[in-house]
Amino acid sequence: MTEYTIRRSDRARRLRIVVAPEGVEVVLPRRMALREAEQFVVSAREGTGLEPWFARITSGEQGSGAPPEVDYDLYAEGEARLGWLNCTVRIAGEAPFDGNALLCALARRIGGRLEEQGLEVAHLKMTLIPDEGRDIGVCNLARGDGRAEQSHTLAEPLESGRLIVNLRAEGDPADLRAAALDALEAAAQAETAVRCDVEHIEHFRPARPVPTHRMV
Protein backbone atom coordinates (compact mmCIF):
# COMPACT_ATOMS: atom_id res chain seq x y z
CA MET A 1 0.00 0.00 0.00
CA THR A 2 1.26 3.48 -0.87
CA GLU A 3 1.96 5.66 2.17
CA TYR A 4 0.36 9.10 2.10
CA THR A 5 -0.17 12.11 4.32
CA ILE A 6 -3.02 14.64 4.56
CA ARG A 7 -2.26 18.35 4.90
CA ARG A 8 -4.53 21.40 5.09
CA SER A 9 -3.53 24.55 3.25
CA ASP A 10 -4.80 28.14 3.40
CA ARG A 11 -3.64 28.69 -0.19
CA ALA A 12 -5.20 25.57 -1.73
CA ARG A 13 -8.33 26.25 -3.75
CA ARG A 14 -9.23 22.64 -4.38
CA LEU A 15 -8.23 19.18 -3.26
CA ARG A 16 -4.91 18.14 -4.77
CA ILE A 17 -2.93 14.92 -4.74
CA VAL A 18 0.82 15.50 -4.99
CA VAL A 19 2.94 12.53 -6.02
CA ALA A 20 6.66 12.87 -5.30
CA PRO A 21 9.59 10.46 -4.85
CA GLU A 22 9.30 10.80 -1.07
CA GLY A 23 5.60 9.85 -1.02
CA VAL A 24 2.04 10.96 -1.73
CA GLU A 25 0.48 14.03 -0.12
CA VAL A 26 -3.23 14.91 -0.12
CA VAL A 27 -3.66 18.69 0.17
CA LEU A 28 -7.03 19.98 1.37
CA PRO A 29 -8.31 23.57 1.37
CA ARG A 30 -8.62 24.85 4.94
CA ARG A 31 -12.38 25.34 4.53
CA MET A 32 -13.07 21.85 3.21
CA ALA A 33 -14.77 19.64 5.79
CA LEU A 34 -12.89 16.42 6.51
CA ARG A 35 -15.78 14.10 7.23
CA GLU A 36 -15.45 10.63 8.64
CA ALA A 37 -14.98 8.42 5.61
CA GLU A 38 -13.58 5.12 4.48
CA GLN A 39 -10.23 5.46 2.78
CA PHE A 40 -9.16 3.47 -0.26
CA VAL A 41 -5.83 3.51 -2.08
CA VAL A 42 -6.29 2.31 -5.66
CA SER A 43 -4.33 2.35 -8.90
CA ALA A 44 -6.21 1.86 -12.15
CA ARG A 45 -2.90 1.59 -14.01
CA GLU A 46 -1.53 -1.18 -11.78
CA GLY A 47 -4.93 -2.72 -11.01
CA THR A 48 -4.35 -2.67 -7.25
CA GLY A 49 -6.96 -1.93 -4.59
CA LEU A 50 -9.84 -1.90 -7.06
CA GLU A 51 -11.93 -4.82 -5.76
CA PRO A 52 -12.70 -3.41 -2.28
CA TRP A 53 -13.45 -0.01 -3.80
CA PHE A 54 -15.83 -1.45 -6.41
CA ALA A 55 -17.49 -3.56 -3.72
CA ARG A 56 -18.04 -0.46 -1.59
CA ILE A 57 -19.51 1.76 -4.29
CA THR A 58 -21.84 -1.01 -5.53
CA SER A 59 -22.94 -2.15 -2.05
CA GLY A 60 -26.21 -0.24 -2.14
CA GLU A 61 -25.29 1.75 0.98
CA GLN A 62 -24.60 4.96 -0.90
CA GLY A 63 -26.50 8.14 -0.19
CA SER A 64 -27.41 7.28 3.39
CA GLY A 65 -25.38 10.15 4.86
CA ALA A 66 -26.05 13.86 4.92
CA PRO A 67 -25.82 15.66 1.58
CA PRO A 68 -22.48 17.37 0.98
CA GLU A 69 -22.17 21.08 1.61
CA VAL A 70 -21.44 23.01 -1.57
CA ASP A 71 -19.92 26.48 -1.28
CA TYR A 72 -20.90 27.97 -4.63
CA ASP A 73 -18.87 31.11 -4.00
CA LEU A 74 -15.74 29.02 -3.44
CA TYR A 75 -16.60 26.89 -6.47
CA ALA A 76 -17.02 30.00 -8.63
CA GLU A 77 -13.71 31.39 -7.35
CA GLY A 78 -11.94 28.20 -8.37
CA GLU A 79 -13.58 28.17 -11.81
CA ALA A 80 -12.62 31.82 -12.35
CA ARG A 81 -8.94 30.92 -11.97
CA LEU A 82 -9.12 28.55 -14.94
CA GLY A 83 -8.54 29.54 -18.53
CA TRP A 84 -10.20 27.33 -21.14
CA LEU A 85 -9.09 26.62 -24.69
CA ASN A 86 -10.86 24.51 -27.29
CA CYS A 87 -9.28 24.04 -30.68
CA THR A 88 -9.83 21.95 -33.83
CA VAL A 89 -6.97 21.54 -36.31
CA ARG A 90 -6.60 19.85 -39.68
CA ILE A 91 -3.35 17.84 -39.72
CA ALA A 92 -1.68 16.62 -42.93
CA GLY A 93 1.77 15.33 -43.77
CA GLU A 94 3.69 15.08 -47.02
CA ALA A 95 4.18 11.41 -46.13
CA PRO A 96 2.63 9.10 -43.50
CA PHE A 97 3.67 10.22 -40.01
CA ASP A 98 3.59 8.88 -36.45
CA GLY A 99 0.47 10.37 -34.86
CA ASN A 100 1.37 9.05 -31.41
CA ALA A 101 4.71 10.85 -31.44
CA LEU A 102 3.01 14.02 -32.64
CA LEU A 103 0.47 13.97 -29.80
CA CYS A 104 3.13 13.46 -27.12
CA ALA A 105 5.37 16.16 -28.61
CA LEU A 106 2.50 18.67 -28.65
CA ALA A 107 1.56 17.84 -25.05
CA ARG A 108 5.15 18.25 -23.85
CA ARG A 109 5.58 21.57 -25.63
CA ILE A 110 2.26 23.03 -24.41
CA GLY A 111 2.90 21.84 -20.85
CA GLY A 112 6.48 23.11 -20.91
CA ARG A 113 5.49 26.51 -22.29
CA LEU A 114 2.88 27.01 -19.57
CA GLU A 115 5.22 25.74 -16.85
CA GLU A 116 7.83 28.31 -17.90
CA GLN A 117 5.20 30.99 -17.26
CA GLY A 118 4.32 29.55 -13.86
CA LEU A 119 0.90 28.34 -15.06
CA GLU A 120 -0.46 25.02 -13.82
CA VAL A 121 -2.21 22.67 -16.24
CA ALA A 122 -5.43 21.33 -14.77
CA HIS A 123 -6.07 19.09 -17.75
CA LEU A 124 -4.95 18.81 -21.35
CA LYS A 125 -6.62 16.31 -23.65
CA MET A 126 -5.82 15.89 -27.33
CA THR A 127 -7.61 13.55 -29.71
CA LEU A 128 -6.26 12.72 -33.18
CA ILE A 129 -8.76 11.14 -35.60
CA PRO A 130 -7.32 9.90 -38.92
CA ASP A 131 -9.31 10.62 -42.06
CA GLU A 132 -9.15 6.94 -43.01
CA GLY A 133 -10.16 4.00 -40.84
CA ARG A 134 -11.70 3.95 -37.37
CA ASP A 135 -8.54 4.36 -35.32
CA ILE A 136 -8.08 7.09 -32.72
CA GLY A 137 -5.23 8.49 -30.67
CA VAL A 138 -5.76 10.23 -27.31
CA CYS A 139 -3.09 11.92 -25.19
CA ASN A 140 -3.60 13.42 -21.72
CA LEU A 141 -1.57 15.67 -19.46
CA ALA A 142 -2.98 16.31 -16.00
CA ARG A 143 -0.21 18.40 -14.44
CA GLY A 144 2.25 20.93 -15.78
CA ASP A 145 5.19 18.88 -14.47
CA GLY A 146 3.54 15.57 -15.27
CA ARG A 147 4.21 13.10 -18.06
CA ALA A 148 2.06 13.00 -21.18
CA GLU A 149 0.20 9.68 -21.33
CA GLN A 150 -1.79 8.05 -24.09
CA SER A 151 -5.06 6.33 -23.23
CA HIS A 152 -5.51 5.29 -26.88
CA THR A 153 -2.69 4.78 -29.37
CA LEU A 154 -2.85 4.77 -33.14
CA ALA A 155 -1.97 1.39 -34.63
CA GLU A 156 -0.54 2.78 -37.86
CA PRO A 157 0.94 6.00 -39.27
CA LEU A 158 -1.52 8.40 -40.90
CA GLU A 159 -1.41 10.88 -43.73
CA SER A 160 -4.04 13.31 -42.47
CA GLY A 161 -6.68 13.75 -39.80
CA ARG A 162 -8.38 16.05 -37.34
CA LEU A 163 -6.85 17.11 -34.02
CA ILE A 164 -9.09 18.23 -31.14
CA VAL A 165 -7.41 20.10 -28.27
CA ASN A 166 -9.10 20.75 -24.91
CA LEU A 167 -6.95 22.64 -22.41
CA ARG A 168 -7.75 23.86 -18.88
CA ALA A 169 -5.08 25.70 -16.91
CA GLU A 170 -4.78 28.27 -14.15
CA GLY A 171 -3.90 31.36 -16.12
CA ASP A 172 -4.92 33.93 -18.70
CA PRO A 173 -6.80 32.26 -21.60
CA ALA A 174 -4.65 34.28 -24.02
CA ASP A 175 -1.57 32.50 -22.65
CA LEU A 176 -3.22 29.13 -23.30
CA ARG A 177 -3.95 30.16 -26.88
CA ALA A 178 -0.35 31.28 -27.41
CA ALA A 179 1.02 28.01 -26.00
CA ALA A 180 -1.21 25.90 -28.25
CA LEU A 181 -0.38 27.86 -31.40
CA ASP A 182 3.33 27.77 -30.53
CA ALA A 183 3.21 23.97 -30.25
CA LEU A 184 1.41 23.65 -33.59
CA GLU A 185 3.93 25.93 -35.28
CA ALA A 186 6.79 23.86 -33.85
CA ALA A 187 5.18 20.70 -35.22
CA ALA A 188 5.01 22.27 -38.66
CA GLN A 189 8.71 23.14 -38.51
CA ALA A 190 9.86 19.79 -37.11
CA GLU A 191 11.97 17.33 -39.09
CA THR A 192 8.86 15.26 -39.88
CA ALA A 193 6.90 18.39 -40.76
CA VAL A 194 3.13 18.30 -40.80
CA ARG A 195 0.76 21.00 -41.96
CA CYS A 196 -1.47 22.37 -39.20
CA ASP A 197 -4.51 24.39 -40.26
CA VAL A 198 -6.59 25.73 -37.37
CA GLU A 199 -10.27 25.32 -38.19
CA HIS A 200 -11.66 26.62 -34.91
CA ILE A 201 -10.18 28.07 -31.74
CA GLU A 202 -11.75 29.69 -28.70
CA HIS A 203 -10.25 30.76 -25.38
CA PHE A 204 -12.17 32.14 -22.40
CA ARG A 205 -12.94 31.94 -18.71
CA PRO A 206 -16.07 30.01 -17.72
CA ALA A 207 -19.09 31.93 -16.49
CA ARG A 208 -20.14 31.71 -12.86
CA PRO A 209 -21.94 28.36 -12.29
CA VAL A 210 -25.71 28.62 -11.81
CA PRO A 211 -26.96 25.44 -10.08
CA THR A 212 -30.23 24.07 -11.38
CA HIS A 213 -31.00 22.36 -8.07
CA ARG A 214 -29.92 23.02 -4.52
CA MET A 215 -30.09 20.41 -1.76
CA VAL A 216 -31.71 21.83 1.38
C-alpha atoms as a PDB file:
ATOM      1  CA  MET A   1       0.000   0.000   0.000  1.00  0.00           C
ATOM      2  CA  THR A   2       1.262   3.477  -0.873  1.00  0.00           C
ATOM      3  CA  GLU A   3       1.961   5.660   2.166  1.00  0.00           C
ATOM      4  CA  TYR A   4       0.357   9.102   2.101  1.00  0.00           C
ATOM      5  CA  THR A   5      -0.174  12.110   4.320  1.00  0.00           C
ATOM      6  CA  ILE A   6      -3.024  14.641   4.558  1.00  0.00           C
ATOM      7  CA  ARG A   7      -2.261  18.346   4.905  1.00  0.00           C
ATOM      8  CA  ARG A   8      -4.526  21.395   5.086  1.00  0.00           C
ATOM      9  CA  SER A   9      -3.530  24.549   3.254  1.00  0.00           C
ATOM     10  CA  ASP A  10      -4.799  28.138   3.402  1.00  0.00           C
ATOM     11  CA  ARG A  11      -3.636  28.689  -0.189  1.00  0.00           C
ATOM     12  CA  ALA A  12      -5.197  25.573  -1.735  1.00  0.00           C
ATOM     13  CA  ARG A  13      -8.327  26.252  -3.755  1.00  0.00           C
ATOM     14  CA  ARG A  14      -9.229  22.641  -4.376  1.00  0.00           C
ATOM     15  CA  LEU A  15      -8.228  19.178  -3.259  1.00  0.00           C
ATOM     16  CA  ARG A  16      -4.906  18.143  -4.768  1.00  0.00           C
ATOM     17  CA  ILE A  17      -2.933  14.921  -4.735  1.00  0.00           C
ATOM     18  CA  VAL A  18       0.815  15.498  -4.986  1.00  0.00           C
ATOM     19  CA  VAL A  19       2.937  12.528  -6.016  1.00  0.00           C
ATOM     20  CA  ALA A  20       6.662  12.871  -5.302  1.00  0.00           C
ATOM     21  CA  PRO A  21       9.590  10.459  -4.845  1.00  0.00           C
ATOM     22  CA  GLU A  22       9.299  10.800  -1.069  1.00  0.00           C
ATOM     23  CA  GLY A  23       5.605   9.854  -1.022  1.00  0.00           C
ATOM     24  CA  VAL A  24       2.043  10.964  -1.728  1.00  0.00           C
ATOM     25  CA  GLU A  25       0.478  14.026  -0.117  1.00  0.00           C
ATOM     26  CA  VAL A  26      -3.230  14.908  -0.124  1.00  0.00           C
ATOM     27  CA  VAL A  27      -3.658  18.687   0.170  1.00  0.00           C
ATOM     28  CA  LEU A  28      -7.027  19.983   1.368  1.00  0.00           C
ATOM     29  CA  PRO A  29      -8.309  23.573   1.366  1.00  0.00           C
ATOM     30  CA  ARG A  30      -8.623  24.846   4.943  1.00  0.00           C
ATOM     31  CA  ARG A  31     -12.380  25.337   4.526  1.00  0.00           C
ATOM     32  CA  MET A  32     -13.073  21.851   3.209  1.00  0.00           C
ATOM     33  CA  ALA A  33     -14.773  19.637   5.790  1.00  0.00           C
ATOM     34  CA  LEU A  34     -12.889  16.423   6.507  1.00  0.00           C
ATOM     35  CA  ARG A  35     -15.779  14.099   7.234  1.00  0.00           C
ATOM     36  CA  GLU A  36     -15.452  10.632   8.636  1.00  0.00           C
ATOM     37  CA  ALA A  37     -14.979   8.416   5.609  1.00  0.00           C
ATOM     38  CA  GLU A  38     -13.581   5.125   4.477  1.00  0.00           C
ATOM     39  CA  GLN A  39     -10.231   5.460   2.778  1.00  0.00           C
ATOM     40  CA  PHE A  40      -9.163   3.468  -0.262  1.00  0.00           C
ATOM     41  CA  VAL A  41      -5.835   3.506  -2.077  1.00  0.00           C
ATOM     42  CA  VAL A  42      -6.291   2.314  -5.659  1.00  0.00           C
ATOM     43  CA  SER A  43      -4.329   2.351  -8.903  1.00  0.00           C
ATOM     44  CA  ALA A  44      -6.207   1.865 -12.152  1.00  0.00           C
ATOM     45  CA  ARG A  45      -2.905   1.589 -14.009  1.00  0.00           C
ATOM     46  CA  GLU A  46      -1.530  -1.177 -11.785  1.00  0.00           C
ATOM     47  CA  GLY A  47      -4.925  -2.722 -11.014  1.00  0.00           C
ATOM     48  CA  THR A  48      -4.353  -2.670  -7.252  1.00  0.00           C
ATOM     49  CA  GLY A  49      -6.965  -1.929  -4.594  1.00  0.00           C
ATOM     50  CA  LEU A  50      -9.843  -1.899  -7.058  1.00  0.00           C
ATOM     51  CA  GLU A  51     -11.925  -4.820  -5.763  1.00  0.00           C
ATOM     52  CA  PRO A  52     -12.703  -3.414  -2.285  1.00  0.00           C
ATOM     53  CA  TRP A  53     -13.452  -0.006  -3.800  1.00  0.00           C
ATOM     54  CA  PHE A  54     -15.828  -1.451  -6.411  1.00  0.00           C
ATOM     55  CA  ALA A  55     -17.493  -3.560  -3.722  1.00  0.00           C
ATOM     56  CA  ARG A  56     -18.037  -0.457  -1.592  1.00  0.00           C
ATOM     57  CA  ILE A  57     -19.510   1.762  -4.291  1.00  0.00           C
ATOM     58  CA  THR A  58     -21.837  -1.013  -5.526  1.00  0.00           C
ATOM     59  CA  SER A  59     -22.938  -2.149  -2.054  1.00  0.00           C
ATOM     60  CA  GLY A  60     -26.206  -0.238  -2.135  1.00  0.00           C
ATOM     61  CA  GLU A  61     -25.290   1.748   0.980  1.00  0.00           C
ATOM     62  CA  GLN A  62     -24.599   4.957  -0.899  1.00  0.00           C
ATOM     63  CA  GLY A  63     -26.497   8.138  -0.186  1.00  0.00           C
ATOM     64  CA  SER A  64     -27.406   7.281   3.392  1.00  0.00           C
ATOM     65  CA  GLY A  65     -25.383  10.146   4.863  1.00  0.00           C
ATOM     66  CA  ALA A  66     -26.051  13.859   4.923  1.00  0.00           C
ATOM     67  CA  PRO A  67     -25.819  15.657   1.576  1.00  0.00           C
ATOM     68  CA  PRO A  68     -22.483  17.370   0.977  1.00  0.00           C
ATOM     69  CA  GLU A  69     -22.174  21.083   1.610  1.00  0.00           C
ATOM     70  CA  VAL A  70     -21.438  23.012  -1.565  1.00  0.00           C
ATOM     71  CA  ASP A  71     -19.923  26.481  -1.281  1.00  0.00           C
ATOM     72  CA  TYR A  72     -20.898  27.968  -4.626  1.00  0.00           C
ATOM     73  CA  ASP A  73     -18.867  31.114  -4.001  1.00  0.00           C
ATOM     74  CA  LEU A  74     -15.740  29.017  -3.441  1.00  0.00           C
ATOM     75  CA  TYR A  75     -16.604  26.888  -6.471  1.00  0.00           C
ATOM     76  CA  ALA A  76     -17.015  30.000  -8.626  1.00  0.00           C
ATOM     77  CA  GLU A  77     -13.715  31.387  -7.350  1.00  0.00           C
ATOM     78  CA  GLY A  78     -11.943  28.202  -8.370  1.00  0.00           C
ATOM     79  CA  GLU A  79     -13.575  28.173 -11.812  1.00  0.00           C
ATOM     80  CA  ALA A  80     -12.623  31.819 -12.355  1.00  0.00           C
ATOM     81  CA  ARG A  81      -8.943  30.919 -11.975  1.00  0.00           C
ATOM     82  CA  LEU A  82      -9.117  28.555 -14.941  1.00  0.00           C
ATOM     83  CA  GLY A  83      -8.536  29.537 -18.527  1.00  0.00           C
ATOM     84  CA  TRP A  84     -10.201  27.333 -21.140  1.00  0.00           C
ATOM     85  CA  LEU A  85      -9.092  26.617 -24.686  1.00  0.00           C
ATOM     86  CA  ASN A  86     -10.858  24.512 -27.294  1.00  0.00           C
ATOM     87  CA  CYS A  87      -9.276  24.035 -30.683  1.00  0.00           C
ATOM     88  CA  THR A  88      -9.828  21.953 -33.829  1.00  0.00           C
ATOM     89  CA  VAL A  89      -6.969  21.544 -36.305  1.00  0.00           C
ATOM     90  CA  ARG A  90      -6.598  19.854 -39.684  1.00  0.00           C
ATOM     91  CA  ILE A  91      -3.354  17.842 -39.723  1.00  0.00           C
ATOM     92  CA  ALA A  92      -1.682  16.624 -42.929  1.00  0.00           C
ATOM     93  CA  GLY A  93       1.772  15.329 -43.774  1.00  0.00           C
ATOM     94  CA  GLU A  94       3.688  15.078 -47.020  1.00  0.00           C
ATOM     95  CA  ALA A  95       4.178  11.415 -46.129  1.00  0.00           C
ATOM     96  CA  PRO A  96       2.627   9.099 -43.499  1.00  0.00           C
ATOM     97  CA  PHE A  97       3.669  10.221 -40.012  1.00  0.00           C
ATOM     98  CA  ASP A  98       3.586   8.881 -36.455  1.00  0.00           C
ATOM     99  CA  GLY A  99       0.465  10.374 -34.858  1.00  0.00           C
ATOM    100  CA  ASN A 100       1.371   9.050 -31.408  1.00  0.00           C
ATOM    101  CA  ALA A 101       4.710  10.846 -31.437  1.00  0.00           C
ATOM    102  CA  LEU A 102       3.006  14.022 -32.643  1.00  0.00           C
ATOM    103  CA  LEU A 103       0.468  13.970 -29.796  1.00  0.00           C
ATOM    104  CA  CYS A 104       3.127  13.458 -27.125  1.00  0.00           C
ATOM    105  CA  ALA A 105       5.369  16.158 -28.610  1.00  0.00           C
ATOM    106  CA  LEU A 106       2.500  18.666 -28.652  1.00  0.00           C
ATOM    107  CA  ALA A 107       1.562  17.840 -25.053  1.00  0.00           C
ATOM    108  CA  ARG A 108       5.150  18.246 -23.846  1.00  0.00           C
ATOM    109  CA  ARG A 109       5.583  21.569 -25.629  1.00  0.00           C
ATOM    110  CA  ILE A 110       2.260  23.025 -24.409  1.00  0.00           C
ATOM    111  CA  GLY A 111       2.898  21.844 -20.848  1.00  0.00           C
ATOM    112  CA  GLY A 112       6.477  23.109 -20.907  1.00  0.00           C
ATOM    113  CA  ARG A 113       5.491  26.514 -22.291  1.00  0.00           C
ATOM    114  CA  LEU A 114       2.882  27.015 -19.572  1.00  0.00           C
ATOM    115  CA  GLU A 115       5.215  25.741 -16.849  1.00  0.00           C
ATOM    116  CA  GLU A 116       7.833  28.311 -17.898  1.00  0.00           C
ATOM    117  CA  GLN A 117       5.203  30.991 -17.257  1.00  0.00           C
ATOM    118  CA  GLY A 118       4.319  29.549 -13.858  1.00  0.00           C
ATOM    119  CA  LEU A 119       0.902  28.338 -15.061  1.00  0.00           C
ATOM    120  CA  GLU A 120      -0.458  25.020 -13.818  1.00  0.00           C
ATOM    121  CA  VAL A 121      -2.209  22.675 -16.236  1.00  0.00           C
ATOM    122  CA  ALA A 122      -5.427  21.329 -14.767  1.00  0.00           C
ATOM    123  CA  HIS A 123      -6.071  19.088 -17.753  1.00  0.00           C
ATOM    124  CA  LEU A 124      -4.948  18.811 -21.349  1.00  0.00           C
ATOM    125  CA  LYS A 125      -6.620  16.307 -23.646  1.00  0.00           C
ATOM    126  CA  MET A 126      -5.824  15.893 -27.332  1.00  0.00           C
ATOM    127  CA  THR A 127      -7.608  13.550 -29.707  1.00  0.00           C
ATOM    128  CA  LEU A 128      -6.262  12.724 -33.175  1.00  0.00           C
ATOM    129  CA  ILE A 129      -8.756  11.142 -35.597  1.00  0.00           C
ATOM    130  CA  PRO A 130      -7.322   9.896 -38.919  1.00  0.00           C
ATOM    131  CA  ASP A 131      -9.309  10.617 -42.061  1.00  0.00           C
ATOM    132  CA  GLU A 132      -9.155   6.942 -43.008  1.00  0.00           C
ATOM    133  CA  GLY A 133     -10.165   3.997 -40.842  1.00  0.00           C
ATOM    134  CA  ARG A 134     -11.697   3.951 -37.373  1.00  0.00           C
ATOM    135  CA  ASP A 135      -8.542   4.358 -35.315  1.00  0.00           C
ATOM    136  CA  ILE A 136      -8.083   7.086 -32.722  1.00  0.00           C
ATOM    137  CA  GLY A 137      -5.226   8.487 -30.671  1.00  0.00           C
ATOM    138  CA  VAL A 138      -5.756  10.227 -27.306  1.00  0.00           C
ATOM    139  CA  CYS A 139      -3.093  11.924 -25.191  1.00  0.00           C
ATOM    140  CA  ASN A 140      -3.603  13.417 -21.719  1.00  0.00           C
ATOM    141  CA  LEU A 141      -1.570  15.669 -19.463  1.00  0.00           C
ATOM    142  CA  ALA A 142      -2.984  16.309 -16.000  1.00  0.00           C
ATOM    143  CA  ARG A 143      -0.215  18.400 -14.436  1.00  0.00           C
ATOM    144  CA  GLY A 144       2.250  20.934 -15.784  1.00  0.00           C
ATOM    145  CA  ASP A 145       5.186  18.885 -14.465  1.00  0.00           C
ATOM    146  CA  GLY A 146       3.543  15.571 -15.269  1.00  0.00           C
ATOM    147  CA  ARG A 147       4.215  13.098 -18.063  1.00  0.00           C
ATOM    148  CA  ALA A 148       2.058  12.997 -21.176  1.00  0.00           C
ATOM    149  CA  GLU A 149       0.198   9.678 -21.333  1.00  0.00           C
ATOM    150  CA  GLN A 150      -1.791   8.049 -24.088  1.00  0.00           C
ATOM    151  CA  SER A 151      -5.063   6.335 -23.234  1.00  0.00           C
ATOM    152  CA  HIS A 152      -5.507   5.285 -26.876  1.00  0.00           C
ATOM    153  CA  THR A 153      -2.689   4.778 -29.367  1.00  0.00           C
ATOM    154  CA  LEU A 154      -2.854   4.765 -33.139  1.00  0.00           C
ATOM    155  CA  ALA A 155      -1.971   1.386 -34.627  1.00  0.00           C
ATOM    156  CA  GLU A 156      -0.540   2.779 -37.856  1.00  0.00           C
ATOM    157  CA  PRO A 157       0.943   5.999 -39.271  1.00  0.00           C
ATOM    158  CA  LEU A 158      -1.523   8.397 -40.896  1.00  0.00           C
ATOM    159  CA  GLU A 159      -1.408  10.881 -43.734  1.00  0.00           C
ATOM    160  CA  SER A 160      -4.041  13.314 -42.472  1.00  0.00           C
ATOM    161  CA  GLY A 161      -6.682  13.748 -39.798  1.00  0.00           C
ATOM    162  CA  ARG A 162      -8.380  16.050 -37.338  1.00  0.00           C
ATOM    163  CA  LEU A 163      -6.853  17.107 -34.024  1.00  0.00           C
ATOM    164  CA  ILE A 164      -9.085  18.234 -31.143  1.00  0.00           C
ATOM    165  CA  VAL A 165      -7.407  20.101 -28.270  1.00  0.00           C
ATOM    166  CA  ASN A 166      -9.102  20.754 -24.907  1.00  0.00           C
ATOM    167  CA  LEU A 167      -6.946  22.642 -22.414  1.00  0.00           C
ATOM    168  CA  ARG A 168      -7.749  23.857 -18.884  1.00  0.00           C
ATOM    169  CA  ALA A 169      -5.084  25.696 -16.913  1.00  0.00           C
ATOM    170  CA  GLU A 170      -4.779  28.272 -14.146  1.00  0.00           C
ATOM    171  CA  GLY A 171      -3.899  31.363 -16.124  1.00  0.00           C
ATOM    172  CA  ASP A 172      -4.915  33.932 -18.704  1.00  0.00           C
ATOM    173  CA  PRO A 173      -6.795  32.261 -21.597  1.00  0.00           C
ATOM    174  CA  ALA A 174      -4.647  34.277 -24.018  1.00  0.00           C
ATOM    175  CA  ASP A 175      -1.569  32.503 -22.651  1.00  0.00           C
ATOM    176  CA  LEU A 176      -3.220  29.129 -23.305  1.00  0.00           C
ATOM    177  CA  ARG A 177      -3.954  30.157 -26.876  1.00  0.00           C
ATOM    178  CA  ALA A 178      -0.347  31.282 -27.409  1.00  0.00           C
ATOM    179  CA  ALA A 179       1.016  28.011 -26.000  1.00  0.00           C
ATOM    180  CA  ALA A 180      -1.212  25.896 -28.247  1.00  0.00           C
ATOM    181  CA  LEU A 181      -0.381  27.862 -31.397  1.00  0.00           C
ATOM    182  CA  ASP A 182       3.330  27.770 -30.532  1.00  0.00           C
ATOM    183  CA  ALA A 183       3.208  23.968 -30.251  1.00  0.00           C
ATOM    184  CA  LEU A 184       1.408  23.646 -33.594  1.00  0.00           C
ATOM    185  CA  GLU A 185       3.927  25.935 -35.282  1.00  0.00           C
ATOM    186  CA  ALA A 186       6.794  23.862 -33.851  1.00  0.00           C
ATOM    187  CA  ALA A 187       5.182  20.697 -35.220  1.00  0.00           C
ATOM    188  CA  ALA A 188       5.007  22.268 -38.663  1.00  0.00           C
ATOM    189  CA  GLN A 189       8.713  23.140 -38.506  1.00  0.00           C
ATOM    190  CA  ALA A 190       9.863  19.793 -37.111  1.00  0.00           C
ATOM    191  CA  GLU A 191      11.967  17.328 -39.088  1.00  0.00           C
ATOM    192  CA  THR A 192       8.864  15.258 -39.877  1.00  0.00           C
ATOM    193  CA  ALA A 193       6.904  18.392 -40.763  1.00  0.00           C
ATOM    194  CA  VAL A 194       3.127  18.297 -40.804  1.00  0.00           C
ATOM    195  CA  ARG A 195       0.755  20.999 -41.962  1.00  0.00           C
ATOM    196  CA  CYS A 196      -1.472  22.370 -39.197  1.00  0.00           C
ATOM    197  CA  ASP A 197      -4.510  24.394 -40.255  1.00  0.00           C
ATOM    198  CA  VAL A 198      -6.590  25.734 -37.368  1.00  0.00           C
ATOM    199  CA  GLU A 199     -10.271  25.324 -38.195  1.00  0.00           C
ATOM    200  CA  HIS A 200     -11.661  26.625 -34.906  1.00  0.00           C
ATOM    201  CA  ILE A 201     -10.176  28.074 -31.737  1.00  0.00           C
ATOM    202  CA  GLU A 202     -11.755  29.689 -28.695  1.00  0.00           C
ATOM    203  CA  HIS A 203     -10.254  30.759 -25.380  1.00  0.00           C
ATOM    204  CA  PHE A 204     -12.170  32.141 -22.402  1.00  0.00           C
ATOM    205  CA  ARG A 205     -12.937  31.942 -18.706  1.00  0.00           C
ATOM    206  CA  PRO A 206     -16.074  30.011 -17.718  1.00  0.00           C
ATOM    207  CA  ALA A 207     -19.089  31.934 -16.485  1.00  0.00           C
ATOM    208  CA  ARG A 208     -20.142  31.711 -12.861  1.00  0.00           C
ATOM    209  CA  PRO A 209     -21.939  28.360 -12.294  1.00  0.00           C
ATOM    210  CA  VAL A 210     -25.705  28.622 -11.814  1.00  0.00           C
ATOM    211  CA  PRO A 211     -26.956  25.442 -10.079  1.00  0.00           C
ATOM    212  CA  THR A 212     -30.232  24.070 -11.380  1.00  0.00           C
ATOM    213  CA  HIS A 213     -31.003  22.358  -8.068  1.00  0.00           C
ATOM    214  CA  ARG A 214     -29.921  23.015  -4.521  1.00  0.00           C
ATOM    215  CA  MET A 215     -30.092  20.415  -1.757  1.00  0.00           C
ATOM    216  CA  VAL A 216     -31.708  21.833   1.381  1.00  0.00           C
END
